[in-house]
Structures are given as C-alpha cells and as structure tokens.
Amino acid sequence: MPDATTESRHPIVRVELARAIEMFEQPTVELGSSIGGYSPGIERCITELTAHPDRGTPPRFEVALPAEEIADGLAERMTVTLRRVCEERIRHNDCTQVATVRAGFRSFAIGLPVTMLGLAITAGATKIGDIDDAVRAVVDILGWVLAWVGLWYPFDKILFYPLDAARENRVLAALRDAEVRIVPLE
C-alpha cells in the first residue's frame, strides 16, 4: 500500500509490489501473501497523490520489491515506463475533457426544449382559473423543476465533469516528474 510521508523537500510515495511489472499491470493475488496489492501500483500512487496533493516539488517515488526482483537498471526502466504511461493518460484525459464538454453542448439540444416546456408550464400555471391554489402550486413547481433539469445536466457536464480529468492530470504530471527509487522490501 502506498505510504506518503514528507522527507525534507520531497513528498515520498511508497508502493510495495511482489513483482516490478505489477506497477503497470493487474497483479496476481497470491493467497496468504503479505506482499503486493489488488490494483496496479500506478493506480495506488495516483490515488495516494490525489488524496494528499502537494503542489510543491514533484514527489519521490519509492518502489519496494523483494530482493530477487531488483536488477541493474530497473529504476531507469521504471522511470521511462512511468513517464510514458503518465503522458499517455494525460493525453487520454485531455481528449476525454474535450469530448465531455462537447457532449455537454450537444445535450442542450434536449435540455433547451425541456427547459422551454417547463417555463411554459410555469407560465400557464399563473393563468389557470377556477382551480385551487394547491394544484396551481404543484403545476408551477413541476414547471420550474423541468426548467431546472433541462439546464442542469448540460451545465454540469460542461463545468464540473471535466474537473476530475484535470485533477488527475495534475497528479499524473507530478508522478511523471517524480524521482524513482527501487528499494528492497523489508
């Protein structure tokens, strides 16, 4: 499990793996083993950095492995792969953000007519004659709810949905620039 602590100027994200490849692939769970996890190490690191953001210096990334898994040049290979994966996910998130905003604008095609219907119902409620005030209030509220729902989804999709991808991109950029150290598992 990742462990974020602070040492001098760099936050430290530590992930313990049974094998180096589990950093990027779904690990195989071995019954009775106290090493490793249930999700790829990079996912655990992203979660840890998202939960404990540090907008200062890039984190130092520690991968703890059993001694037999550590080989010469592993830290460099891990760094290159980590950067490539982070860059790919950043590009994916950028495309997802653009597609989400575009979908939000397209959803106005349904949202605006629903809003207009709701406003028409609300306007019509004021002209209802010979009906008790409770029914008029229900019709009025129904109209306002329809007007709100018609605009809520498109604006939500345009303004708030893309924020998750932007937040993950900040974490991925920090992880991409992180110093990677391979340490033996205790």
N, C-alpha and C. Protein backbone atom coordinates (compact mmCIF):
# COMPACT_ATOMS: atom_id res chain seq x y z
N MET A 1 0.84 -1.17 0.00
CA MET A 1 0.00 0.00 0.00
C MET A 1 0.89 1.23 0.00
N PRO A 2 0.55 2.25 -0.81
CA PRO A 2 1.38 3.43 -0.84
C PRO A 2 1.38 4.14 0.51
N ASP A 3 2.47 4.76 0.79
CA ASP A 3 2.60 5.48 2.04
C ASP A 3 3.24 6.82 1.71
N ALA A 4 2.50 7.90 1.89
CA ALA A 4 3.04 9.23 1.59
C ALA A 4 3.52 9.86 2.88
N THR A 5 4.79 10.17 2.91
CA THR A 5 5.37 10.89 4.03
C THR A 5 6.17 12.03 3.45
N THR A 6 6.65 12.90 4.30
CA THR A 6 7.44 14.01 3.80
C THR A 6 8.84 13.92 4.36
N GLU A 7 9.79 13.96 3.47
CA GLU A 7 11.20 13.92 3.87
C GLU A 7 11.85 15.14 3.24
N SER A 8 12.39 16.00 4.03
CA SER A 8 12.97 17.27 3.61
C SER A 8 12.03 18.00 2.66
N ARG A 9 12.34 18.07 1.36
CA ARG A 9 11.51 18.87 0.46
C ARG A 9 10.59 18.04 -0.41
N HIS A 10 10.77 16.76 -0.50
CA HIS A 10 10.01 15.92 -1.42
C HIS A 10 9.02 15.03 -0.68
N PRO A 11 7.74 15.05 -1.10
CA PRO A 11 6.83 14.05 -0.56
C PRO A 11 7.26 12.68 -1.11
N ILE A 12 7.12 11.66 -0.30
CA ILE A 12 7.51 10.31 -0.70
C ILE A 12 6.26 9.47 -0.86
N VAL A 13 6.14 8.84 -2.02
CA VAL A 13 5.06 7.89 -2.25
C VAL A 13 5.73 6.53 -2.36
N ARG A 14 5.32 5.62 -1.49
CA ARG A 14 5.92 4.29 -1.45
C ARG A 14 4.87 3.26 -1.81
N VAL A 15 5.23 2.37 -2.70
CA VAL A 15 4.34 1.28 -3.07
C VAL A 15 5.13 -0.03 -2.98
N GLU A 16 4.52 -1.01 -2.36
CA GLU A 16 5.16 -2.32 -2.20
C GLU A 16 4.54 -3.28 -3.21
N LEU A 17 5.42 -3.90 -4.00
CA LEU A 17 4.97 -4.81 -5.04
C LEU A 17 5.69 -6.15 -4.91
N ALA A 18 5.04 -7.20 -5.37
CA ALA A 18 5.68 -8.51 -5.39
C ALA A 18 6.58 -8.65 -6.60
N ARG A 19 6.19 -8.00 -7.71
CA ARG A 19 6.98 -8.03 -8.95
C ARG A 19 6.97 -6.63 -9.57
N ALA A 20 8.01 -6.26 -10.27
CA ALA A 20 8.12 -4.92 -10.85
C ALA A 20 7.00 -4.63 -11.85
N ILE A 21 6.60 -5.61 -12.62
CA ILE A 21 5.58 -5.42 -13.65
C ILE A 21 4.23 -5.04 -13.04
N GLU A 22 4.03 -5.37 -11.76
CA GLU A 22 2.77 -5.04 -11.09
C GLU A 22 2.59 -3.53 -10.92
N MET A 23 3.61 -2.77 -11.23
CA MET A 23 3.48 -1.33 -11.22
C MET A 23 2.48 -0.89 -12.28
N PHE A 24 2.43 -1.61 -13.40
CA PHE A 24 1.61 -1.20 -14.53
C PHE A 24 0.54 -2.22 -14.91
N GLU A 25 0.64 -3.44 -14.44
CA GLU A 25 -0.33 -4.48 -14.76
C GLU A 25 -1.09 -4.91 -13.53
N GLN A 26 -2.26 -5.48 -13.77
CA GLN A 26 -3.08 -6.00 -12.67
C GLN A 26 -2.29 -7.13 -11.99
N PRO A 27 -2.04 -7.01 -10.68
CA PRO A 27 -1.26 -8.05 -10.01
C PRO A 27 -2.07 -9.33 -9.81
N THR A 28 -1.34 -10.42 -9.74
CA THR A 28 -1.95 -11.70 -9.39
C THR A 28 -1.95 -11.79 -7.87
N VAL A 29 -3.11 -12.02 -7.32
CA VAL A 29 -3.22 -12.10 -5.88
C VAL A 29 -2.87 -13.51 -5.44
N GLU A 30 -1.89 -13.60 -4.54
CA GLU A 30 -1.50 -14.89 -4.02
C GLU A 30 -2.04 -15.02 -2.61
N LEU A 31 -2.79 -16.09 -2.38
CA LEU A 31 -3.37 -16.31 -1.07
C LEU A 31 -2.28 -16.44 -0.02
N GLY A 32 -2.46 -15.76 1.08
CA GLY A 32 -1.51 -15.84 2.18
C GLY A 32 -0.31 -14.92 2.05
N SER A 33 -0.16 -14.23 0.93
CA SER A 33 0.98 -13.35 0.74
C SER A 33 0.69 -11.98 1.36
N SER A 34 1.70 -11.44 2.00
CA SER A 34 1.54 -10.10 2.58
C SER A 34 2.17 -9.03 1.69
N ILE A 35 2.62 -9.43 0.51
CA ILE A 35 3.26 -8.51 -0.43
C ILE A 35 2.30 -8.22 -1.58
N GLY A 36 2.35 -7.00 -2.09
CA GLY A 36 1.57 -6.67 -3.26
C GLY A 36 0.22 -6.08 -2.91
N GLY A 37 -0.63 -6.00 -3.90
CA GLY A 37 -1.95 -5.43 -3.71
C GLY A 37 -2.92 -5.99 -4.71
N TYR A 38 -4.06 -5.34 -4.81
CA TYR A 38 -5.12 -5.81 -5.68
C TYR A 38 -5.26 -4.97 -6.94
N SER A 39 -4.57 -3.85 -6.98
CA SER A 39 -4.63 -2.99 -8.17
C SER A 39 -3.20 -2.64 -8.57
N PRO A 40 -3.01 -2.23 -9.84
CA PRO A 40 -1.65 -1.86 -10.28
C PRO A 40 -1.07 -0.76 -9.40
N GLY A 41 0.23 -0.79 -9.23
CA GLY A 41 0.91 0.18 -8.38
C GLY A 41 0.68 1.62 -8.80
N ILE A 42 0.60 1.87 -10.11
CA ILE A 42 0.40 3.23 -10.57
C ILE A 42 -0.96 3.76 -10.13
N GLU A 43 -1.97 2.89 -10.10
CA GLU A 43 -3.30 3.32 -9.65
C GLU A 43 -3.26 3.67 -8.16
N ARG A 44 -2.53 2.90 -7.40
CA ARG A 44 -2.41 3.20 -5.97
C ARG A 44 -1.68 4.52 -5.75
N CYS A 45 -0.66 4.79 -6.57
CA CYS A 45 0.08 6.05 -6.46
C CYS A 45 -0.78 7.24 -6.84
N ILE A 46 -1.56 7.10 -7.90
CA ILE A 46 -2.45 8.19 -8.32
C ILE A 46 -3.46 8.47 -7.22
N THR A 47 -4.01 7.43 -6.63
CA THR A 47 -4.97 7.61 -5.55
C THR A 47 -4.32 8.30 -4.36
N GLU A 48 -3.13 7.89 -4.01
CA GLU A 48 -2.43 8.49 -2.87
C GLU A 48 -2.11 9.96 -3.12
N LEU A 49 -1.63 10.27 -4.31
CA LEU A 49 -1.30 11.67 -4.62
C LEU A 49 -2.55 12.53 -4.75
N THR A 50 -3.64 11.96 -5.22
CA THR A 50 -4.91 12.70 -5.30
C THR A 50 -5.43 12.99 -3.91
N ALA A 51 -5.30 12.03 -3.01
CA ALA A 51 -5.80 12.21 -1.64
C ALA A 51 -4.93 13.16 -0.83
N HIS A 52 -3.65 13.24 -1.15
CA HIS A 52 -2.71 14.09 -0.40
C HIS A 52 -1.92 14.95 -1.38
N PRO A 53 -2.59 15.92 -2.02
CA PRO A 53 -1.88 16.72 -3.03
C PRO A 53 -0.82 17.60 -2.40
N ASP A 54 0.27 17.73 -3.10
CA ASP A 54 1.35 18.62 -2.68
C ASP A 54 1.74 19.39 -3.93
N ARG A 55 1.43 20.64 -3.95
CA ARG A 55 1.65 21.44 -5.15
C ARG A 55 3.09 21.95 -5.25
N GLY A 56 3.93 21.52 -4.34
CA GLY A 56 5.32 21.97 -4.36
C GLY A 56 6.14 21.16 -5.33
N THR A 57 7.16 20.55 -4.83
CA THR A 57 8.08 19.80 -5.68
C THR A 57 7.49 18.45 -6.06
N PRO A 58 7.97 17.86 -7.15
CA PRO A 58 7.50 16.54 -7.54
C PRO A 58 7.81 15.52 -6.44
N PRO A 59 6.99 14.51 -6.31
CA PRO A 59 7.23 13.52 -5.26
C PRO A 59 8.42 12.63 -5.60
N ARG A 60 8.96 12.02 -4.58
CA ARG A 60 9.94 10.95 -4.79
C ARG A 60 9.16 9.67 -4.70
N PHE A 61 9.36 8.83 -5.65
CA PHE A 61 8.57 7.63 -5.78
C PHE A 61 9.43 6.42 -5.41
N GLU A 62 9.02 5.69 -4.40
CA GLU A 62 9.75 4.51 -3.94
C GLU A 62 8.98 3.26 -4.27
N VAL A 63 9.63 2.34 -4.98
CA VAL A 63 9.04 1.05 -5.29
C VAL A 63 9.80 0.02 -4.46
N ALA A 64 9.09 -0.61 -3.53
CA ALA A 64 9.71 -1.64 -2.69
C ALA A 64 9.41 -3.00 -3.31
N LEU A 65 10.47 -3.73 -3.57
CA LEU A 65 10.37 -5.05 -4.20
C LEU A 65 11.17 -6.07 -3.42
N PRO A 66 10.80 -7.35 -3.52
CA PRO A 66 11.67 -8.38 -2.94
C PRO A 66 13.05 -8.32 -3.60
N ALA A 67 14.07 -8.64 -2.85
CA ALA A 67 15.45 -8.52 -3.33
C ALA A 67 15.69 -9.26 -4.65
N GLU A 68 15.05 -10.41 -4.85
CA GLU A 68 15.27 -11.19 -6.08
C GLU A 68 14.65 -10.52 -7.31
N GLU A 69 13.77 -9.54 -7.13
CA GLU A 69 13.14 -8.82 -8.24
C GLU A 69 13.95 -7.60 -8.68
N ILE A 70 14.91 -7.18 -7.87
CA ILE A 70 15.67 -5.98 -8.17
C ILE A 70 16.85 -6.33 -9.07
N ALA A 71 16.94 -5.61 -10.19
CA ALA A 71 18.02 -5.83 -11.15
C ALA A 71 18.65 -4.49 -11.50
N ASP A 72 19.86 -4.55 -12.07
CA ASP A 72 20.53 -3.33 -12.51
C ASP A 72 19.70 -2.64 -13.58
N GLY A 73 19.59 -1.33 -13.48
CA GLY A 73 18.87 -0.55 -14.48
C GLY A 73 17.36 -0.56 -14.31
N LEU A 74 16.85 -1.22 -13.28
CA LEU A 74 15.40 -1.30 -13.10
C LEU A 74 14.80 0.07 -12.84
N ALA A 75 15.47 0.90 -12.05
CA ALA A 75 14.95 2.24 -11.75
C ALA A 75 14.83 3.08 -13.02
N GLU A 76 15.81 2.98 -13.91
CA GLU A 76 15.77 3.74 -15.15
C GLU A 76 14.64 3.24 -16.05
N ARG A 77 14.49 1.91 -16.16
CA ARG A 77 13.42 1.35 -16.99
C ARG A 77 12.05 1.72 -16.40
N MET A 78 11.95 1.67 -15.08
CA MET A 78 10.70 2.03 -14.41
C MET A 78 10.38 3.51 -14.66
N THR A 79 11.40 4.38 -14.61
CA THR A 79 11.20 5.80 -14.84
C THR A 79 10.70 6.06 -16.26
N VAL A 80 11.33 5.43 -17.25
CA VAL A 80 10.94 5.61 -18.65
C VAL A 80 9.49 5.15 -18.86
N THR A 81 9.16 3.99 -18.32
CA THR A 81 7.81 3.45 -18.48
C THR A 81 6.79 4.30 -17.74
N LEU A 82 7.14 4.75 -16.55
CA LEU A 82 6.24 5.60 -15.77
C LEU A 82 5.93 6.89 -16.53
N ARG A 83 6.95 7.49 -17.11
CA ARG A 83 6.75 8.73 -17.88
C ARG A 83 5.86 8.48 -19.10
N ARG A 84 6.12 7.37 -19.79
CA ARG A 84 5.32 7.05 -20.97
C ARG A 84 3.86 6.82 -20.61
N VAL A 85 3.61 6.07 -19.54
CA VAL A 85 2.24 5.80 -19.10
C VAL A 85 1.55 7.09 -18.66
N CYS A 86 2.25 7.92 -17.92
CA CYS A 86 1.66 9.19 -17.47
C CYS A 86 1.32 10.08 -18.65
N GLU A 87 2.22 10.19 -19.62
CA GLU A 87 1.96 11.01 -20.80
C GLU A 87 0.75 10.48 -21.58
N GLU A 88 0.67 9.17 -21.71
CA GLU A 88 -0.46 8.59 -22.43
C GLU A 88 -1.78 8.87 -21.72
N ARG A 89 -1.79 8.75 -20.39
CA ARG A 89 -3.02 9.02 -19.64
C ARG A 89 -3.38 10.50 -19.66
N ILE A 90 -2.37 11.36 -19.65
CA ILE A 90 -2.64 12.80 -19.74
C ILE A 90 -3.31 13.11 -21.09
N ARG A 91 -2.78 12.54 -22.17
CA ARG A 91 -3.40 12.74 -23.50
C ARG A 91 -4.83 12.19 -23.51
N HIS A 92 -5.01 11.02 -22.93
CA HIS A 92 -6.35 10.41 -22.85
C HIS A 92 -7.30 11.32 -22.07
N ASN A 93 -6.86 11.83 -20.93
CA ASN A 93 -7.70 12.71 -20.12
C ASN A 93 -8.01 14.01 -20.85
N ASP A 94 -7.04 14.54 -21.59
CA ASP A 94 -7.28 15.76 -22.36
C ASP A 94 -8.38 15.53 -23.39
N CYS A 95 -8.30 14.41 -24.09
CA CYS A 95 -9.33 14.08 -25.08
C CYS A 95 -10.68 13.85 -24.40
N THR A 96 -10.67 13.21 -23.26
CA THR A 96 -11.91 12.98 -22.51
C THR A 96 -12.54 14.29 -22.08
N GLN A 97 -11.72 15.23 -21.63
CA GLN A 97 -12.24 16.55 -21.24
C GLN A 97 -12.92 17.24 -22.41
N VAL A 98 -12.27 17.26 -23.56
CA VAL A 98 -12.83 17.92 -24.73
C VAL A 98 -14.13 17.22 -25.15
N ALA A 99 -14.13 15.89 -25.15
CA ALA A 99 -15.33 15.15 -25.54
C ALA A 99 -16.47 15.39 -24.55
N THR A 100 -16.17 15.50 -23.28
CA THR A 100 -17.20 15.74 -22.27
C THR A 100 -17.82 17.12 -22.44
N VAL A 101 -16.99 18.12 -22.66
CA VAL A 101 -17.51 19.48 -22.88
C VAL A 101 -18.37 19.51 -24.16
N ARG A 102 -17.88 18.86 -25.20
CA ARG A 102 -18.65 18.81 -26.45
C ARG A 102 -19.99 18.11 -26.23
N ALA A 103 -19.99 17.03 -25.48
CA ALA A 103 -21.24 16.33 -25.18
C ALA A 103 -22.18 17.21 -24.36
N GLY A 104 -21.62 18.03 -23.48
CA GLY A 104 -22.44 18.96 -22.71
C GLY A 104 -23.14 19.97 -23.60
N PHE A 105 -22.41 20.50 -24.59
CA PHE A 105 -23.04 21.44 -25.52
C PHE A 105 -24.10 20.74 -26.37
N ARG A 106 -23.81 19.50 -26.79
CA ARG A 106 -24.80 18.76 -27.58
C ARG A 106 -26.04 18.45 -26.77
N SER A 107 -25.89 18.29 -25.45
CA SER A 107 -27.06 17.95 -24.62
C SER A 107 -28.03 19.12 -24.50
N PHE A 108 -27.61 20.32 -24.89
CA PHE A 108 -28.56 21.44 -24.93
C PHE A 108 -29.67 21.18 -25.94
N ALA A 109 -29.43 20.33 -26.94
CA ALA A 109 -30.45 20.02 -27.93
C ALA A 109 -31.69 19.41 -27.27
N ILE A 110 -31.50 18.69 -26.22
CA ILE A 110 -32.62 18.12 -25.45
C ILE A 110 -32.96 19.03 -24.28
N GLY A 111 -31.94 19.59 -23.64
CA GLY A 111 -32.14 20.39 -22.43
C GLY A 111 -32.92 21.67 -22.66
N LEU A 112 -32.65 22.37 -23.75
CA LEU A 112 -33.36 23.63 -24.00
C LEU A 112 -34.86 23.41 -24.25
N PRO A 113 -35.24 22.44 -25.07
CA PRO A 113 -36.69 22.20 -25.21
C PRO A 113 -37.36 21.80 -23.89
N VAL A 114 -36.67 21.01 -23.08
CA VAL A 114 -37.23 20.63 -21.78
C VAL A 114 -37.37 21.87 -20.91
N THR A 115 -36.39 22.75 -20.93
CA THR A 115 -36.46 24.00 -20.17
C THR A 115 -37.61 24.87 -20.67
N MET A 116 -37.75 24.98 -21.96
CA MET A 116 -38.85 25.78 -22.52
C MET A 116 -40.20 25.21 -22.14
N LEU A 117 -40.32 23.90 -22.17
CA LEU A 117 -41.57 23.25 -21.75
C LEU A 117 -41.86 23.57 -20.28
N GLY A 118 -40.84 23.48 -19.45
CA GLY A 118 -41.01 23.78 -18.03
C GLY A 118 -41.42 25.22 -17.80
N LEU A 119 -40.80 26.15 -18.51
CA LEU A 119 -41.17 27.56 -18.37
C LEU A 119 -42.58 27.82 -18.89
N ALA A 120 -42.96 27.11 -19.96
CA ALA A 120 -44.33 27.25 -20.48
C ALA A 120 -45.34 26.74 -19.46
N ILE A 121 -45.02 25.63 -18.82
CA ILE A 121 -45.91 25.09 -17.79
C ILE A 121 -46.03 26.08 -16.63
N THR A 122 -44.91 26.66 -16.23
CA THR A 122 -44.93 27.64 -15.13
C THR A 122 -45.75 28.87 -15.51
N ALA A 123 -45.55 29.34 -16.74
CA ALA A 123 -46.33 30.50 -17.20
C ALA A 123 -47.81 30.16 -17.28
N GLY A 124 -48.12 28.95 -17.74
CA GLY A 124 -49.51 28.51 -17.82
C GLY A 124 -50.16 28.35 -16.46
N ALA A 125 -49.35 28.02 -15.46
CA ALA A 125 -49.90 27.83 -14.11
C ALA A 125 -50.46 29.13 -13.56
N THR A 126 -49.94 30.25 -13.99
CA THR A 126 -50.44 31.54 -13.48
C THR A 126 -51.78 31.90 -14.12
N LYS A 127 -52.09 31.27 -15.22
CA LYS A 127 -53.32 31.60 -15.94
C LYS A 127 -54.43 30.58 -15.69
N ILE A 128 -54.15 29.57 -14.88
CA ILE A 128 -55.17 28.55 -14.59
C ILE A 128 -56.26 29.22 -13.76
N GLY A 129 -57.48 29.13 -14.23
CA GLY A 129 -58.58 29.72 -13.49
C GLY A 129 -59.43 28.64 -12.84
N ASP A 130 -60.16 29.02 -11.84
CA ASP A 130 -61.06 28.12 -11.13
C ASP A 130 -60.37 26.82 -10.69
N ILE A 131 -59.22 26.91 -10.15
CA ILE A 131 -58.52 25.74 -9.64
C ILE A 131 -57.93 26.13 -8.30
N ASP A 132 -57.86 25.19 -7.38
CA ASP A 132 -57.38 25.60 -6.05
C ASP A 132 -55.87 25.85 -6.06
N ASP A 133 -55.45 26.59 -5.07
CA ASP A 133 -54.05 27.05 -5.01
C ASP A 133 -53.06 25.89 -4.90
N ALA A 134 -53.42 24.79 -4.29
CA ALA A 134 -52.51 23.64 -4.13
C ALA A 134 -52.18 23.05 -5.49
N VAL A 135 -53.18 22.88 -6.34
CA VAL A 135 -52.93 22.32 -7.68
C VAL A 135 -52.08 23.31 -8.49
N ARG A 136 -52.39 24.58 -8.40
CA ARG A 136 -51.62 25.59 -9.12
C ARG A 136 -50.16 25.56 -8.66
N ALA A 137 -49.92 25.41 -7.35
CA ALA A 137 -48.55 25.35 -6.82
C ALA A 137 -47.82 24.12 -7.33
N VAL A 138 -48.50 22.97 -7.39
CA VAL A 138 -47.87 21.74 -7.89
C VAL A 138 -47.49 21.91 -9.36
N VAL A 139 -48.39 22.45 -10.16
CA VAL A 139 -48.10 22.65 -11.58
C VAL A 139 -46.94 23.64 -11.75
N ASP A 140 -46.94 24.70 -10.95
CA ASP A 140 -45.86 25.68 -11.00
C ASP A 140 -44.52 25.05 -10.64
N ILE A 141 -44.51 24.27 -9.59
CA ILE A 141 -43.26 23.60 -9.16
C ILE A 141 -42.80 22.61 -10.22
N LEU A 142 -43.73 21.87 -10.80
CA LEU A 142 -43.37 20.93 -11.86
C LEU A 142 -42.70 21.67 -13.03
N GLY A 143 -43.23 22.81 -13.38
CA GLY A 143 -42.64 23.61 -14.46
C GLY A 143 -41.24 24.07 -14.12
N TRP A 144 -41.03 24.55 -12.91
CA TRP A 144 -39.69 25.01 -12.51
C TRP A 144 -38.71 23.85 -12.44
N VAL A 145 -39.16 22.69 -11.99
CA VAL A 145 -38.27 21.51 -11.94
C VAL A 145 -37.85 21.12 -13.35
N LEU A 146 -38.78 21.09 -14.28
CA LEU A 146 -38.43 20.76 -15.66
C LEU A 146 -37.45 21.80 -16.23
N ALA A 147 -37.69 23.07 -15.96
CA ALA A 147 -36.78 24.11 -16.45
C ALA A 147 -35.38 23.92 -15.87
N TRP A 148 -35.30 23.58 -14.60
CA TRP A 148 -34.01 23.38 -13.94
C TRP A 148 -33.30 22.15 -14.50
N VAL A 149 -34.03 21.04 -14.63
CA VAL A 149 -33.42 19.80 -15.12
C VAL A 149 -32.91 19.98 -16.54
N GLY A 150 -33.65 20.72 -17.36
CA GLY A 150 -33.23 20.92 -18.74
C GLY A 150 -31.90 21.64 -18.87
N LEU A 151 -31.58 22.49 -17.93
CA LEU A 151 -30.31 23.22 -17.98
C LEU A 151 -29.23 22.62 -17.08
N TRP A 152 -29.65 21.93 -16.03
CA TRP A 152 -28.69 21.41 -15.07
C TRP A 152 -27.70 20.44 -15.71
N TYR A 153 -28.19 19.43 -16.41
CA TYR A 153 -27.28 18.42 -16.96
C TYR A 153 -26.26 19.02 -17.94
N PRO A 154 -26.68 19.83 -18.93
CA PRO A 154 -25.66 20.38 -19.83
C PRO A 154 -24.60 21.21 -19.11
N PHE A 155 -25.05 22.08 -18.20
CA PHE A 155 -24.07 22.91 -17.49
C PHE A 155 -23.18 22.08 -16.57
N ASP A 156 -23.74 21.06 -15.95
CA ASP A 156 -22.96 20.17 -15.10
C ASP A 156 -21.88 19.48 -15.93
N LYS A 157 -22.27 19.01 -17.09
CA LYS A 157 -21.33 18.30 -17.97
C LYS A 157 -20.24 19.25 -18.49
N ILE A 158 -20.59 20.49 -18.77
CA ILE A 158 -19.62 21.45 -19.30
C ILE A 158 -18.69 21.98 -18.20
N LEU A 159 -19.25 22.27 -17.03
CA LEU A 159 -18.47 22.96 -16.00
C LEU A 159 -17.78 22.02 -15.01
N PHE A 160 -18.44 20.93 -14.60
CA PHE A 160 -17.92 20.15 -13.48
C PHE A 160 -17.33 18.80 -13.87
N TYR A 161 -17.91 18.10 -14.82
CA TYR A 161 -17.38 16.79 -15.20
C TYR A 161 -15.91 16.83 -15.61
N PRO A 162 -15.46 17.83 -16.40
CA PRO A 162 -14.06 17.85 -16.82
C PRO A 162 -13.06 18.08 -15.68
N LEU A 163 -13.53 18.53 -14.54
CA LEU A 163 -12.61 18.82 -13.43
C LEU A 163 -11.89 17.57 -12.92
N ASP A 164 -12.55 16.41 -12.95
CA ASP A 164 -11.90 15.18 -12.49
C ASP A 164 -10.69 14.84 -13.34
N ALA A 165 -10.84 14.96 -14.66
CA ALA A 165 -9.71 14.67 -15.55
C ALA A 165 -8.59 15.69 -15.36
N ALA A 166 -8.93 16.95 -15.15
CA ALA A 166 -7.90 17.97 -14.92
C ALA A 166 -7.16 17.71 -13.62
N ARG A 167 -7.89 17.28 -12.59
CA ARG A 167 -7.27 16.97 -11.29
C ARG A 167 -6.33 15.78 -11.44
N GLU A 168 -6.77 14.75 -12.16
CA GLU A 168 -5.90 13.59 -12.37
C GLU A 168 -4.69 13.97 -13.21
N ASN A 169 -4.84 14.87 -14.17
CA ASN A 169 -3.68 15.30 -14.98
C ASN A 169 -2.62 15.99 -14.13
N ARG A 170 -3.04 16.78 -13.14
CA ARG A 170 -2.05 17.41 -12.24
C ARG A 170 -1.28 16.34 -11.47
N VAL A 171 -1.98 15.32 -11.02
CA VAL A 171 -1.31 14.23 -10.29
C VAL A 171 -0.39 13.46 -11.23
N LEU A 172 -0.86 13.18 -12.43
CA LEU A 172 -0.04 12.45 -13.40
C LEU A 172 1.21 13.24 -13.78
N ALA A 173 1.09 14.54 -13.90
CA ALA A 173 2.27 15.37 -14.22
C ALA A 173 3.28 15.31 -13.08
N ALA A 174 2.79 15.34 -11.84
CA ALA A 174 3.71 15.22 -10.69
C ALA A 174 4.36 13.86 -10.65
N LEU A 175 3.59 12.81 -10.93
CA LEU A 175 4.13 11.45 -10.92
C LEU A 175 5.11 11.25 -12.07
N ARG A 176 4.81 11.84 -13.22
CA ARG A 176 5.70 11.76 -14.38
C ARG A 176 7.08 12.34 -14.07
N ASP A 177 7.10 13.43 -13.29
CA ASP A 177 8.35 14.11 -12.98
C ASP A 177 9.02 13.59 -11.71
N ALA A 178 8.44 12.58 -11.10
CA ALA A 178 8.95 12.07 -9.84
C ALA A 178 10.29 11.36 -10.00
N GLU A 179 11.07 11.45 -8.97
CA GLU A 179 12.32 10.68 -8.89
C GLU A 179 11.94 9.26 -8.47
N VAL A 180 12.38 8.26 -9.21
CA VAL A 180 12.03 6.87 -8.91
C VAL A 180 13.21 6.18 -8.24
N ARG A 181 12.92 5.56 -7.10
CA ARG A 181 13.93 4.75 -6.40
C ARG A 181 13.39 3.36 -6.19
N ILE A 182 14.22 2.39 -6.41
CA ILE A 182 13.87 0.98 -6.16
C ILE A 182 14.56 0.62 -4.85
N VAL A 183 13.78 0.12 -3.90
CA VAL A 183 14.34 -0.25 -2.60
C VAL A 183 13.94 -1.69 -2.28
N PRO A 184 14.79 -2.38 -1.52
CA PRO A 184 14.40 -3.75 -1.16
C PRO A 184 13.27 -3.75 -0.14
N LEU A 185 12.40 -4.70 -0.28
CA LEU A 185 11.27 -4.86 0.61
C LEU A 185 11.78 -5.40 1.94
N GLU A 186 11.30 -4.80 3.02
CA GLU A 186 11.75 -5.22 4.34
C GLU A 186 11.00 -6.44 4.81
